[in-house]
Amino acid sequence: MSNKTRNILKITAIILVVITLLMQFHLIVIPAIVGYKYWIAVVAFGLLLIASK
């Protein structure tokens, strides 16, 4: 896996975690995914595991 791909996966994971945190603190509300906050964080953690060496 190239470094560019790893960086893209890490940035995607960070964006997912930030969205989850903002939804947790009720700063943004996305009704379609509000029930999946936990799973979004799990997917972000998985992306970080995949991106690590």
N, C-alpha and C. Protein backbone atom coordinates (compact mmCIF):
# COMPACT_ATOMS: atom_id res chain seq x y z
N MET A 1 0.85 -1.17 0.00
CA MET A 1 0.00 0.00 0.00
C MET A 1 0.90 1.23 0.00
N SER A 2 0.60 2.17 -0.85
CA SER A 2 1.45 3.35 -0.96
C SER A 2 1.15 4.34 0.17
N ASN A 3 2.08 5.25 0.36
CA ASN A 3 1.91 6.27 1.40
C ASN A 3 0.72 7.18 1.11
N LYS A 4 0.47 7.44 -0.17
CA LYS A 4 -0.66 8.29 -0.52
C LYS A 4 -1.98 7.64 -0.09
N THR A 5 -2.10 6.34 -0.31
CA THR A 5 -3.30 5.61 0.09
C THR A 5 -3.45 5.61 1.59
N ARG A 6 -2.35 5.40 2.31
CA ARG A 6 -2.40 5.43 3.78
C ARG A 6 -2.86 6.79 4.28
N ASN A 7 -2.32 7.85 3.69
CA ASN A 7 -2.71 9.19 4.12
C ASN A 7 -4.19 9.46 3.85
N ILE A 8 -4.69 9.00 2.72
CA ILE A 8 -6.11 9.18 2.41
C ILE A 8 -6.98 8.43 3.41
N LEU A 9 -6.59 7.21 3.77
CA LEU A 9 -7.35 6.44 4.76
C LEU A 9 -7.33 7.12 6.13
N LYS A 10 -6.17 7.66 6.52
CA LYS A 10 -6.07 8.35 7.81
C LYS A 10 -6.93 9.61 7.83
N ILE A 11 -6.90 10.38 6.75
CA ILE A 11 -7.71 11.60 6.68
C ILE A 11 -9.19 11.26 6.71
N THR A 12 -9.58 10.19 6.01
CA THR A 12 -10.98 9.76 6.03
C THR A 12 -11.40 9.36 7.44
N ALA A 13 -10.55 8.65 8.15
CA ALA A 13 -10.86 8.24 9.52
C ALA A 13 -11.01 9.45 10.43
N ILE A 14 -10.13 10.42 10.27
CA ILE A 14 -10.22 11.64 11.10
C ILE A 14 -11.51 12.39 10.82
N ILE A 15 -11.88 12.50 9.56
CA ILE A 15 -13.12 13.19 9.20
C ILE A 15 -14.33 12.46 9.80
N LEU A 16 -14.33 11.13 9.73
CA LEU A 16 -15.44 10.37 10.30
C LEU A 16 -15.55 10.57 11.81
N VAL A 17 -14.42 10.59 12.50
CA VAL A 17 -14.44 10.79 13.95
C VAL A 17 -14.92 12.20 14.29
N VAL A 18 -14.48 13.19 13.54
CA VAL A 18 -14.93 14.57 13.80
C VAL A 18 -16.44 14.68 13.59
N ILE A 19 -16.95 14.07 12.53
CA ILE A 19 -18.40 14.10 12.30
C ILE A 19 -19.13 13.42 13.45
N THR A 20 -18.60 12.28 13.91
CA THR A 20 -19.22 11.58 15.03
C THR A 20 -19.22 12.43 16.30
N LEU A 21 -18.11 13.09 16.57
CA LEU A 21 -18.04 13.95 17.76
C LEU A 21 -19.01 15.12 17.66
N LEU A 22 -19.08 15.74 16.50
CA LEU A 22 -20.01 16.87 16.33
C LEU A 22 -21.46 16.42 16.49
N MET A 23 -21.76 15.21 16.03
CA MET A 23 -23.12 14.70 16.22
C MET A 23 -23.36 14.35 17.68
N GLN A 24 -22.35 13.86 18.38
CA GLN A 24 -22.49 13.52 19.80
C GLN A 24 -22.77 14.77 20.64
N PHE A 25 -22.13 15.88 20.29
CA PHE A 25 -22.31 17.13 21.03
C PHE A 25 -23.47 17.97 20.48
N HIS A 26 -24.25 17.39 19.56
CA HIS A 26 -25.44 18.02 18.99
C HIS A 26 -25.12 19.34 18.29
N LEU A 27 -23.93 19.44 17.71
CA LEU A 27 -23.59 20.63 16.93
C LEU A 27 -24.07 20.49 15.49
N ILE A 28 -24.09 19.26 15.00
CA ILE A 28 -24.71 18.98 13.71
C ILE A 28 -25.61 17.77 13.89
N VAL A 29 -26.63 17.69 13.06
CA VAL A 29 -27.54 16.55 13.12
C VAL A 29 -27.76 16.07 11.68
N ILE A 30 -27.39 14.84 11.45
CA ILE A 30 -27.64 14.21 10.16
C ILE A 30 -28.60 13.05 10.45
N PRO A 31 -29.90 13.28 10.23
CA PRO A 31 -30.90 12.31 10.66
C PRO A 31 -30.70 10.90 10.11
N ALA A 32 -30.18 10.78 8.92
CA ALA A 32 -30.05 9.45 8.30
C ALA A 32 -29.01 8.58 8.99
N ILE A 33 -28.00 9.20 9.64
CA ILE A 33 -26.93 8.40 10.25
C ILE A 33 -26.79 8.62 11.75
N VAL A 34 -27.73 9.32 12.36
CA VAL A 34 -27.60 9.61 13.78
C VAL A 34 -27.61 8.33 14.63
N GLY A 35 -28.25 7.30 14.17
CA GLY A 35 -28.29 6.04 14.91
C GLY A 35 -27.05 5.19 14.74
N TYR A 36 -26.18 5.59 13.85
CA TYR A 36 -25.00 4.80 13.55
C TYR A 36 -23.69 5.45 14.01
N LYS A 37 -23.77 6.34 14.98
CA LYS A 37 -22.57 7.04 15.46
C LYS A 37 -21.50 6.06 15.94
N TYR A 38 -21.91 5.06 16.68
CA TYR A 38 -20.96 4.08 17.20
C TYR A 38 -20.27 3.35 16.05
N TRP A 39 -21.03 2.91 15.08
CA TRP A 39 -20.46 2.14 13.98
C TRP A 39 -19.57 2.99 13.09
N ILE A 40 -19.87 4.28 12.98
CA ILE A 40 -18.99 5.17 12.23
C ILE A 40 -17.63 5.26 12.92
N ALA A 41 -17.64 5.34 14.25
CA ALA A 41 -16.38 5.37 14.99
C ALA A 41 -15.62 4.05 14.85
N VAL A 42 -16.34 2.93 14.83
CA VAL A 42 -15.70 1.62 14.64
C VAL A 42 -15.06 1.53 13.26
N VAL A 43 -15.76 2.00 12.24
CA VAL A 43 -15.21 2.00 10.88
C VAL A 43 -13.97 2.88 10.81
N ALA A 44 -14.00 4.04 11.47
CA ALA A 44 -12.84 4.93 11.47
C ALA A 44 -11.64 4.25 12.14
N PHE A 45 -11.88 3.56 13.24
CA PHE A 45 -10.80 2.84 13.91
C PHE A 45 -10.24 1.75 13.01
N GLY A 46 -11.13 1.05 12.32
CA GLY A 46 -10.70 0.02 11.38
C GLY A 46 -9.85 0.59 10.25
N LEU A 47 -10.24 1.75 9.74
CA LEU A 47 -9.45 2.40 8.70
C LEU A 47 -8.06 2.75 9.20
N LEU A 48 -7.98 3.21 10.45
CA LEU A 48 -6.65 3.51 11.01
C LEU A 48 -5.82 2.25 11.17
N LEU A 49 -6.45 1.14 11.56
CA LEU A 49 -5.71 -0.12 11.67
C LEU A 49 -5.20 -0.58 10.31
N ILE A 50 -6.01 -0.44 9.29
CA ILE A 50 -5.59 -0.82 7.95
C ILE A 50 -4.46 0.06 7.45
N ALA A 51 -4.52 1.36 7.78
CA ALA A 51 -3.53 2.30 7.28
C ALA A 51 -2.20 2.20 8.02
N SER A 52 -2.20 1.60 9.21
CA SER A 52 -0.94 1.50 9.96
C SER A 52 -0.10 0.34 9.43
N LYS A 53 1.16 0.41 9.67
CA LYS A 53 2.05 -0.65 9.17
C LYS A 53 2.19 -1.75 10.21
